[in-house]
Structure formats: structure tokens, C-alpha cells
Amino acid sequence: MTTTTREQGTSAVWHDSDHSWELRDLPLPEMEPDAVQIRVRATSVCGSDLHIWRGDGVPKDAPPRDPFVFGHEMMGEVAKLGSKVTTDSLRRPLKEGDRVAYSYFFPCAKCYNCIRGEFGACKFRMGRKPLDEYPYCNGGFAQYYYLRAPQYLFKLPDDISDAAAAPINCALAQVYEALHLGGVKLGDNIVVQGAGGLGVNACAVAAELGANKVIVIDGQKPRLDLAMQCGATHTIDINEYSTPEARIDRVMELTDSIGADKVLEVVGFPAVVEEGVKMCRMRGTYLEVGHISPNSIAHLDVQKLVQNQVRFYGIQHYDPWIIPNAIDFLVRTRDKYPLTNVISHEYPLDKIGDAFDTAEWVGRNAGSEVTRAVVTP
């Protein structure tokens, strides 16, 4: 793929070597006939971005990673259409300037998993390369994102703001997929470990799927309060229930000593997995979403897992149909759940360091009102 020197965009490049951001102008990829160039309008600082930024799971003696651009929970507008692209993925007319939500990964549509319809499980779906191999403006924390083929993108209605639309392709879509794969049924009791962006969205989705009780666990009261406004029926504050045993006992108390039908983990710290599995009822389901960092080692008594017949799902990414359904969900429930309150702060791209510092601060300080910070390139 060749570059064009006439069109460039700014990217926020992360440097491990001195823990710093660099704003770098990079060329845009040359347009292919089936591609779409996106002008990024909003990118959330997802919890997984914080893991990457901190270097969670990277051995302390490992050399610094090469400079790279990241960010995935985003939306934007069509900056340029390939010569063969005239519609979105639902065959609705598409033009430059239209706001869209899209999957940030690219299933190949040709591998074993893809031909079985499991696009979220495509082994070739990411295809991202370091800057020394692919030196283009192309990331969530950048001005442009290149949607090569095959891609899935969907027009956004006018009544969804940019900031509210950014979490559609991760926070909302990911928990939608997890609860769908977990087979949430009418009357289920659900536990959500973590009340950040994914956790709050999970509460709303679980409630709409007909859950009986939605029990959310976190250590920050503003997040727990927002979760209660977005479908949760009960909260467990880890400042009040300070040990795993206390939290497990509380879940059992709330479920008549049966345990939860489904437990969803969206915290991303290994220690919560063991207690979460113990919150499941016999033949309950544990939905593991939060662990994206390498070397995330949890201690599990496998005999207990077998004895209680717990179903354990590791879930990452989703199939394309999730995104338009997530958009419809957001529109349909906007007067019922204040999900847009998940976004509390917006920063321009040249203040990306402040956005990450704020997101990191809220994760470690009870009482903060920030749940999701958004960067607006």
C-alpha cells in the first residue's frame, strides 16, 4: 500500500520509553475501492486502554514496546468513500459527512471460524501493525481511522451525540454480545463485577433482557448510583463488603442462597475471578470479558468448577449484527436509562495525557464522578 503526501492526520503516539505522548502527523493510507476513511470524532478511554497504557501484564524486565497508536472505542464521520462503496452495511445510502458507528476489527470472512458465521472469533480480525511497518494515521486516538474491507459500519441517528455514540462499538456492544452468548433468560439473577462503562451498560442490557435481579459490585458510590439508574436492582460496595467472602455471602443472601445465574466480569483484575465464580449457582455461567492483559493469572479450584458445573465463557469482540442492535437499544432506551451519563469529561486530542490521567485517577479514588473520559480529535 502506498502513501499520499498530500493528506495527513494527527495521531497520538504512545512511547513506553519515557511514558509520554507524542502528537505526530502521519499520512493517510491510499484509498482502496472497498474502503472507507473515517474522520474520528470521539474516542473513549476504555478500561482496556488503561491496561495497555500502564503496561499491565508486561514483564518488568521487558524492553519498552515500540511506539504505537491505540484506541478502539470510537465513532466518526465518513471522510472519504472508496469508489465501490455507496451504502452502509444495511444498504442505506452513505455519503461523506455521515456519522457512523463501526467495528474496529476486521474479520477476514474466509477462515474456518468466519465461514461458520463466527466473525468475532476470526483469528485474523485485528491485523494492526506497529508504526514502523504501517506508518499511517490510523487509530482511535488519531484524526483518522481506515476501514479496509471487509468492514461493517452503520449510520447513526441524529439524536445520538458523538460522545454517547463512542462506546457503542465496545462498552455496549461487548456486554450485549456477552449476555447474548451467556443466554440470559427472563427471571435470571445477574451479577456484574464492575460499574465502569461496560458494567453500567451491562446493567441496562440485562434489565431489558428481563433479569429479575441485577447486582452490581464496585467501590465507587457515584458509579453504583449510576448503575442503579441504569437497570441495577442492588449494589455491593466493596468499601462496605471488604472481603471476597463478604461479597459472596451478600450475593447468596440476595439470591436466596442459590447463587447467580450469570456473573459478568468487566473489572480486568485476576483476583475478582475466583470470587465471581463462587457467586455462580450450580450450573450457572461465568462471563469473562475484562481480562485483555497478558499474564492475567487467576487461582481457581477446578474441582469446585466441575462440582458446581459452572459454565465459563471467555469473550472478546462480537459479531457485526450487534452494532445496529446496540444503536437501536441506545435510541429505544434513552429516556429510560441515562447511559449518556457514563461520559463525564471530554478532552481534545492535544490533551490526551490529561484524559488518561483523569481516567486513571478515577479508577483509584472513591467518590469521583468520572466514569468515561472521551477524546475528541
Protein backbone atom coordinates (compact mmCIF):
# COMPACT_ATOMS: atom_id res chain seq x y z
CA MET A 1 0.00 0.00 0.00
CA THR A 2 1.46 3.37 -0.97
CA THR A 3 1.16 6.64 0.89
CA THR A 4 -0.13 10.02 -0.16
CA THR A 5 1.89 13.03 0.86
CA ARG A 6 -0.98 15.44 0.28
CA GLU A 7 -3.27 14.18 3.02
CA GLN A 8 -2.18 13.73 6.60
CA GLY A 9 -3.72 13.39 10.01
CA THR A 10 -2.50 13.76 13.56
CA SER A 11 -2.04 10.67 15.72
CA ALA A 12 -1.31 10.40 19.44
CA VAL A 13 1.72 8.11 19.59
CA TRP A 14 2.49 6.42 22.90
CA HIS A 15 6.12 5.93 23.99
CA ASP A 16 6.91 3.33 26.63
CA SER A 17 10.49 4.54 26.91
CA ASP A 18 9.61 7.73 28.79
CA HIS A 19 5.89 7.18 29.41
CA SER A 20 4.90 10.05 27.15
CA TRP A 21 2.56 11.01 24.33
CA GLU A 22 3.70 12.48 21.03
CA LEU A 23 1.37 14.14 18.54
CA ARG A 24 2.69 13.08 15.15
CA ASP A 25 1.43 13.96 11.67
CA LEU A 26 1.18 10.80 9.58
CA PRO A 27 -0.02 10.22 6.02
CA LEU A 28 -3.40 8.64 5.33
CA PRO A 29 -3.48 5.26 3.58
CA GLU A 30 -4.19 5.34 -0.11
CA MET A 31 -7.89 4.61 -0.61
CA GLU A 32 -8.85 1.16 -1.85
CA PRO A 33 -12.11 0.72 -3.81
CA ASP A 34 -13.89 -1.12 -0.96
CA ALA A 35 -12.55 1.00 1.90
CA VAL A 36 -13.90 3.92 3.92
CA GLN A 37 -11.79 6.65 5.50
CA ILE A 38 -13.24 7.76 8.84
CA ARG A 39 -12.68 11.13 10.42
CA VAL A 40 -12.71 10.24 14.11
CA ARG A 41 -14.99 12.46 16.19
CA ALA A 42 -14.91 10.79 19.62
CA THR A 43 -12.87 8.02 21.25
CA SER A 44 -13.46 6.88 24.82
CA VAL A 45 -10.67 5.95 27.20
CA CYS A 46 -11.74 2.36 27.82
CA GLY A 47 -10.53 0.37 30.79
CA SER A 48 -8.55 -1.83 28.40
CA ASP A 49 -6.77 1.30 27.14
CA LEU A 50 -5.63 1.95 30.70
CA HIS A 51 -4.27 -1.59 30.92
CA ILE A 52 -2.30 -1.01 27.70
CA TRP A 53 -1.12 2.44 28.82
CA ARG A 54 0.07 1.11 32.18
CA GLY A 55 1.68 -1.91 30.57
CA ASP A 56 -0.29 -4.33 32.71
CA GLY A 57 0.93 -7.87 32.28
CA VAL A 58 4.17 -6.81 30.58
CA PRO A 59 7.17 -8.23 32.49
CA LYS A 60 9.07 -5.56 34.39
CA ASP A 61 12.35 -6.50 32.74
CA ALA A 62 10.88 -6.41 29.21
CA PRO A 63 12.27 -3.74 26.87
CA PRO A 64 9.98 -0.80 26.02
CA ARG A 65 7.43 -1.56 23.36
CA ASP A 66 7.91 0.21 20.06
CA PRO A 67 5.96 3.49 19.79
CA PHE A 68 2.37 2.79 18.80
CA VAL A 69 -1.10 4.28 18.35
CA PHE A 70 -4.08 2.69 20.04
CA GLY A 71 -7.70 3.42 20.98
CA HIS A 72 -10.72 1.48 19.77
CA GLU A 73 -13.94 2.66 21.47
CA MET A 74 -14.79 5.28 18.86
CA MET A 75 -17.14 6.75 16.29
CA GLY A 76 -16.70 9.20 13.46
CA GLU A 77 -17.92 10.56 10.18
CA VAL A 78 -17.23 9.43 6.64
CA ALA A 79 -14.28 11.42 5.32
CA LYS A 80 -13.92 9.56 2.02
CA LEU A 81 -15.61 6.60 0.35
CA GLY A 82 -13.88 4.03 -1.82
CA SER A 83 -15.10 4.01 -5.39
CA LYS A 84 -17.22 0.88 -4.82
CA VAL A 85 -18.84 1.97 -1.53
CA THR A 86 -22.26 3.62 -1.78
CA THR A 87 -24.12 2.26 1.26
CA ASP A 88 -23.60 1.28 4.87
CA SER A 89 -23.78 -2.38 5.92
CA LEU A 90 -27.59 -2.30 5.93
CA ARG A 91 -27.62 -0.95 2.35
CA ARG A 92 -28.68 2.53 3.38
CA PRO A 93 -27.25 5.31 1.18
CA LEU A 94 -23.95 6.58 2.55
CA LYS A 95 -22.16 9.83 1.77
CA GLU A 96 -19.25 11.87 3.02
CA GLY A 97 -20.13 13.60 6.28
CA ASP A 98 -22.48 10.88 7.52
CA ARG A 99 -21.83 9.93 11.14
CA VAL A 100 -21.25 6.21 11.64
CA ALA A 101 -20.53 3.54 14.20
CA TYR A 102 -18.34 0.64 13.12
CA SER A 103 -16.43 -2.37 14.34
CA TYR A 104 -12.78 -1.54 14.92
CA PHE A 105 -11.62 -5.03 13.90
CA PHE A 106 -11.84 -6.73 10.53
CA PRO A 107 -12.95 -10.37 10.21
CA CYS A 108 -11.45 -11.92 7.10
CA ALA A 109 -14.72 -13.68 6.08
CA LYS A 110 -12.65 -16.56 4.67
CA CYS A 111 -11.27 -18.57 7.62
CA TYR A 112 -12.78 -21.60 9.36
CA ASN A 113 -14.48 -19.54 12.07
CA CYS A 114 -15.77 -16.86 9.70
CA ILE A 115 -17.43 -19.34 7.35
CA ARG A 116 -19.26 -20.68 10.41
CA GLY A 117 -20.61 -17.18 10.99
CA GLU A 118 -18.35 -16.52 13.99
CA PHE A 119 -16.84 -13.21 12.85
CA GLY A 120 -15.92 -12.14 16.37
CA ALA A 121 -13.76 -15.28 16.60
CA CYS A 122 -11.80 -14.67 13.39
CA LYS A 123 -8.13 -15.29 14.18
CA PHE A 124 -7.13 -12.69 11.60
CA ARG A 125 -9.56 -9.99 12.71
CA MET A 126 -7.13 -7.44 14.12
CA GLY A 127 -4.44 -7.04 11.51
CA ARG A 128 -2.96 -3.95 13.18
CA LYS A 129 0.75 -3.36 12.69
CA PRO A 130 3.31 -1.23 14.54
CA LEU A 131 4.15 2.17 13.13
CA ASP A 132 7.45 1.02 11.68
CA GLU A 133 5.52 -1.43 9.48
CA TYR A 134 2.39 0.64 8.86
CA PRO A 135 3.29 4.34 9.29
CA TYR A 136 -0.15 5.82 8.76
CA CYS A 137 -2.68 7.87 10.68
CA ASN A 138 -4.97 5.05 11.76
CA GLY A 139 -6.18 4.70 15.33
CA GLY A 140 -8.85 5.66 17.80
CA PHE A 141 -6.62 8.32 19.34
CA ALA A 142 -5.98 9.91 15.98
CA GLN A 143 -7.80 12.09 13.50
CA TYR A 144 -8.48 9.27 11.04
CA TYR A 145 -9.28 5.57 11.11
CA TYR A 146 -9.10 3.46 7.97
CA LEU A 147 -11.83 0.88 7.44
CA ARG A 148 -10.43 -1.59 4.96
CA ALA A 149 -12.60 -4.35 3.54
CA PRO A 150 -14.35 -6.29 4.89
CA GLN A 151 -15.73 -3.79 7.34
CA TYR A 152 -19.09 -3.16 8.99
CA LEU A 153 -20.36 0.35 9.52
CA PHE A 154 -23.77 1.76 10.29
CA LYS A 155 -25.26 5.25 10.01
CA LEU A 156 -26.07 6.94 13.31
CA PRO A 157 -29.32 8.77 14.02
CA ASP A 158 -29.04 12.49 14.69
CA ASP A 159 -30.34 12.18 18.25
CA ILE A 160 -27.27 10.24 19.45
CA SER A 161 -24.42 12.60 20.32
CA ASP A 162 -20.83 11.88 19.35
CA ALA A 163 -19.80 11.22 22.95
CA ALA A 164 -22.76 8.89 23.51
CA ALA A 165 -22.04 7.03 20.26
CA ALA A 166 -18.36 6.35 21.00
CA PRO A 167 -18.99 3.49 23.49
CA ILE A 168 -21.37 1.70 21.12
CA ASN A 169 -18.64 -0.37 19.48
CA CYS A 170 -17.10 -1.56 22.77
CA ALA A 171 -18.77 -0.85 26.12
CA LEU A 172 -22.27 -1.51 24.82
CA ALA A 173 -21.57 -3.98 22.01
CA GLN A 174 -19.24 -6.12 24.11
CA VAL A 175 -21.63 -6.64 27.01
CA TYR A 176 -24.52 -7.12 24.59
CA GLU A 177 -22.55 -9.96 22.98
CA ALA A 178 -21.55 -11.44 26.35
CA LEU A 179 -25.09 -11.52 27.74
CA HIS A 180 -26.36 -12.89 24.42
CA LEU A 181 -23.79 -15.71 24.42
CA GLY A 182 -24.49 -16.32 28.08
CA GLY A 183 -28.14 -16.94 27.27
CA VAL A 184 -29.69 -14.52 29.75
CA LYS A 185 -33.29 -15.55 30.34
CA LEU A 186 -36.36 -13.87 31.75
CA GLY A 187 -36.09 -14.00 35.54
CA ASP A 188 -32.34 -14.61 35.74
CA ASN A 189 -30.32 -13.17 38.60
CA ILE A 190 -27.27 -11.39 37.25
CA VAL A 191 -24.10 -10.20 39.00
CA VAL A 192 -21.96 -7.55 37.30
CA GLN A 193 -18.43 -7.20 38.66
CA GLY A 194 -17.51 -3.58 37.99
CA ALA A 195 -19.58 -0.45 37.36
CA GLY A 196 -17.41 1.32 34.82
CA GLY A 197 -18.51 1.91 31.24
CA LEU A 198 -19.07 -1.76 30.41
CA GLY A 199 -20.64 -2.53 33.77
CA VAL A 200 -23.22 0.26 33.63
CA ASN A 201 -24.18 -0.70 30.08
CA ALA A 202 -24.41 -4.34 31.16
CA CYS A 203 -26.92 -3.43 33.86
CA ALA A 204 -29.19 -1.78 31.31
CA VAL A 205 -28.93 -4.63 28.81
CA ALA A 206 -29.57 -7.26 31.49
CA ALA A 207 -32.61 -5.35 32.73
CA GLU A 208 -34.02 -5.10 29.21
CA LEU A 209 -33.47 -8.83 28.70
CA GLY A 210 -35.79 -9.47 31.63
CA ALA A 211 -33.40 -10.15 34.50
CA ASN A 212 -35.01 -10.48 37.91
CA LYS A 213 -32.13 -9.05 39.94
CA VAL A 214 -29.13 -7.17 38.61
CA ILE A 215 -26.49 -6.97 41.35
CA VAL A 216 -23.54 -4.71 40.60
CA ILE A 217 -20.25 -4.63 42.54
CA ASP A 218 -17.90 -1.66 42.68
CA GLY A 219 -16.06 0.56 45.13
CA GLN A 220 -17.22 3.98 43.95
CA LYS A 221 -20.59 5.28 45.05
CA PRO A 222 -21.22 7.57 42.04
CA ARG A 223 -20.72 4.60 39.73
CA LEU A 224 -23.01 2.42 41.82
CA ASP A 225 -25.62 5.18 41.87
CA LEU A 226 -25.46 5.47 38.07
CA ALA A 227 -25.76 1.70 37.75
CA MET A 228 -28.93 1.82 39.86
CA GLN A 229 -30.34 4.41 37.45
CA CYS A 230 -29.42 2.14 34.53
CA GLY A 231 -31.13 -1.10 35.47
CA ALA A 232 -29.33 -2.45 38.55
CA THR A 233 -31.58 -3.55 41.39
CA HIS A 234 -28.93 -3.99 44.10
CA THR A 235 -25.39 -2.78 44.72
CA ILE A 236 -22.49 -4.20 46.68
CA ASP A 237 -20.00 -1.55 47.73
CA ILE A 238 -16.59 -3.13 48.28
CA ASN A 239 -15.86 -0.48 50.91
CA GLU A 240 -18.74 -1.93 52.94
CA TYR A 241 -18.22 -5.56 51.94
CA SER A 242 -14.45 -5.51 52.04
CA THR A 243 -13.60 -9.20 51.61
CA PRO A 244 -14.41 -11.71 48.87
CA GLU A 245 -16.21 -13.86 51.43
CA ALA A 246 -18.44 -10.94 52.47
CA ARG A 247 -19.33 -10.17 48.86
CA ILE A 248 -20.05 -13.82 48.06
CA ASP A 249 -22.24 -14.11 51.16
CA ARG A 250 -24.14 -10.98 50.12
CA VAL A 251 -24.82 -12.39 46.66
CA MET A 252 -26.07 -15.60 48.25
CA GLU A 253 -28.29 -13.59 50.57
CA LEU A 254 -29.77 -11.68 47.65
CA THR A 255 -30.39 -14.87 45.67
CA ASP A 256 -31.92 -16.97 48.47
CA SER A 257 -28.69 -18.96 48.89
CA ILE A 258 -28.89 -20.18 45.29
CA GLY A 259 -26.28 -18.01 43.63
CA ALA A 260 -26.38 -16.01 40.41
CA ASP A 261 -27.49 -17.46 37.10
CA LYS A 262 -24.92 -15.33 35.29
CA VAL A 263 -21.87 -13.44 36.56
CA LEU A 264 -20.22 -10.92 34.23
CA GLU A 265 -16.64 -9.78 34.91
CA VAL A 266 -15.67 -6.38 33.50
CA VAL A 267 -13.02 -5.29 36.01
CA GLY A 268 -9.92 -6.80 34.47
CA PHE A 269 -8.07 -7.80 37.64
CA PRO A 270 -7.43 -11.54 38.19
CA ALA A 271 -8.34 -11.52 41.88
CA VAL A 272 -12.02 -10.96 41.16
CA VAL A 273 -12.37 -14.09 39.02
CA GLU A 274 -12.18 -16.59 41.85
CA GLU A 275 -14.83 -14.83 43.93
CA GLY A 276 -17.02 -14.29 40.87
CA VAL A 277 -17.03 -18.00 40.03
CA LYS A 278 -18.08 -18.71 43.62
CA MET A 279 -21.06 -16.39 43.16
CA CYS A 280 -22.48 -18.63 40.41
CA ARG A 281 -25.23 -21.08 41.21
CA MET A 282 -24.80 -24.73 40.33
CA ARG A 283 -24.69 -24.86 36.53
CA GLY A 284 -24.52 -21.06 36.43
CA THR A 285 -22.47 -19.18 33.85
CA TYR A 286 -19.38 -17.03 34.32
CA LEU A 287 -18.83 -14.48 31.54
CA GLU A 288 -15.21 -13.31 31.42
CA VAL A 289 -14.75 -10.08 29.45
CA GLY A 290 -12.40 -7.82 31.39
CA HIS A 291 -9.05 -9.56 31.02
CA ILE A 292 -7.19 -8.32 27.98
CA SER A 293 -3.71 -8.04 29.56
CA PRO A 294 -1.13 -10.80 29.18
CA ASN A 295 -0.19 -12.89 32.20
CA SER A 296 -3.57 -12.41 33.90
CA ILE A 297 -3.34 -15.43 36.18
CA ALA A 298 -6.32 -16.32 38.39
CA HIS A 299 -6.41 -19.02 41.06
CA LEU A 300 -9.31 -21.42 40.55
CA ASP A 301 -10.20 -24.69 42.24
CA VAL A 302 -11.09 -26.63 39.11
CA GLN A 303 -12.70 -29.40 41.15
CA LYS A 304 -15.19 -26.86 42.51
CA LEU A 305 -15.75 -25.60 38.97
CA VAL A 306 -16.63 -29.15 37.91
CA GLN A 307 -18.58 -29.98 41.05
CA ASN A 308 -20.80 -26.94 40.58
CA GLN A 309 -20.90 -27.46 36.79
CA VAL A 310 -20.10 -23.80 36.17
CA ARG A 311 -20.04 -22.76 32.51
CA PHE A 312 -17.05 -20.48 31.88
CA TYR A 313 -17.02 -18.25 28.78
CA GLY A 314 -14.06 -16.18 27.64
CA ILE A 315 -15.47 -13.42 25.43
CA GLN A 316 -13.72 -10.88 23.22
CA HIS A 317 -15.24 -8.97 20.30
CA TYR A 318 -18.64 -9.58 18.75
CA ASP A 319 -20.45 -10.38 15.54
CA PRO A 320 -21.47 -7.49 13.22
CA TRP A 321 -25.21 -7.67 13.92
CA ILE A 322 -24.54 -6.50 17.47
CA ILE A 323 -23.73 -2.91 16.41
CA PRO A 324 -27.05 -1.94 14.73
CA ASN A 325 -28.91 -3.60 17.59
CA ALA A 326 -26.81 -1.65 20.08
CA ILE A 327 -27.66 1.58 18.23
CA ASP A 328 -31.36 0.72 18.32
CA PHE A 329 -31.05 -0.17 22.02
CA LEU A 330 -29.49 3.20 22.81
CA VAL A 331 -32.22 5.08 20.94
CA ARG A 332 -35.05 2.98 22.37
CA THR A 333 -33.94 3.33 25.99
CA ARG A 334 -32.55 6.87 26.01
CA ASP A 335 -35.46 8.16 28.13
CA LYS A 336 -35.30 5.15 30.45
CA TYR A 337 -31.61 4.82 31.29
CA PRO A 338 -29.19 7.78 31.48
CA LEU A 339 -26.43 5.84 29.76
CA THR A 340 -25.01 9.03 28.31
CA ASN A 341 -24.02 9.96 31.88
CA VAL A 342 -21.31 7.32 31.57
CA ILE A 343 -19.43 10.04 29.66
CA SER A 344 -18.39 12.78 32.05
CA HIS A 345 -15.37 14.57 30.56
CA GLU A 346 -14.24 15.44 27.03
CA TYR A 347 -10.69 16.33 26.00
CA PRO A 348 -9.19 17.45 22.69
CA LEU A 349 -6.50 15.24 21.18
CA ASP A 350 -3.71 17.53 22.34
CA LYS A 351 -4.89 16.93 25.94
CA ILE A 352 -4.86 13.14 25.67
CA GLY A 353 -2.44 12.91 28.58
CA ASP A 354 -4.98 14.70 30.78
CA ALA A 355 -7.70 12.32 29.60
CA PHE A 356 -5.67 9.28 30.63
CA ASP A 357 -4.55 10.84 33.90
CA THR A 358 -8.18 11.61 34.74
CA ALA A 359 -9.37 8.13 33.81
CA GLU A 360 -6.57 6.59 35.88
CA TRP A 361 -7.32 8.85 38.84
CA VAL A 362 -10.99 7.93 38.93
CA GLY A 363 -10.15 4.25 38.93
CA ARG A 364 -8.22 4.67 42.15
CA ASN A 365 -10.20 7.30 44.05
CA ALA A 366 -13.62 6.62 45.52
CA GLY A 367 -16.13 9.42 45.20
CA SER A 368 -15.10 10.54 41.73
CA GLU A 369 -17.84 11.32 39.25
CA VAL A 370 -15.85 10.38 36.15
CA THR A 371 -16.75 7.07 34.52
CA ARG A 372 -15.62 7.54 30.92
CA ALA A 373 -13.37 10.26 29.54
CA VAL A 374 -13.66 10.93 25.80
CA VAL A 375 -11.02 12.29 23.43
CA THR A 376 -12.38 14.36 20.54
CA PRO A 377 -9.82 14.52 17.70
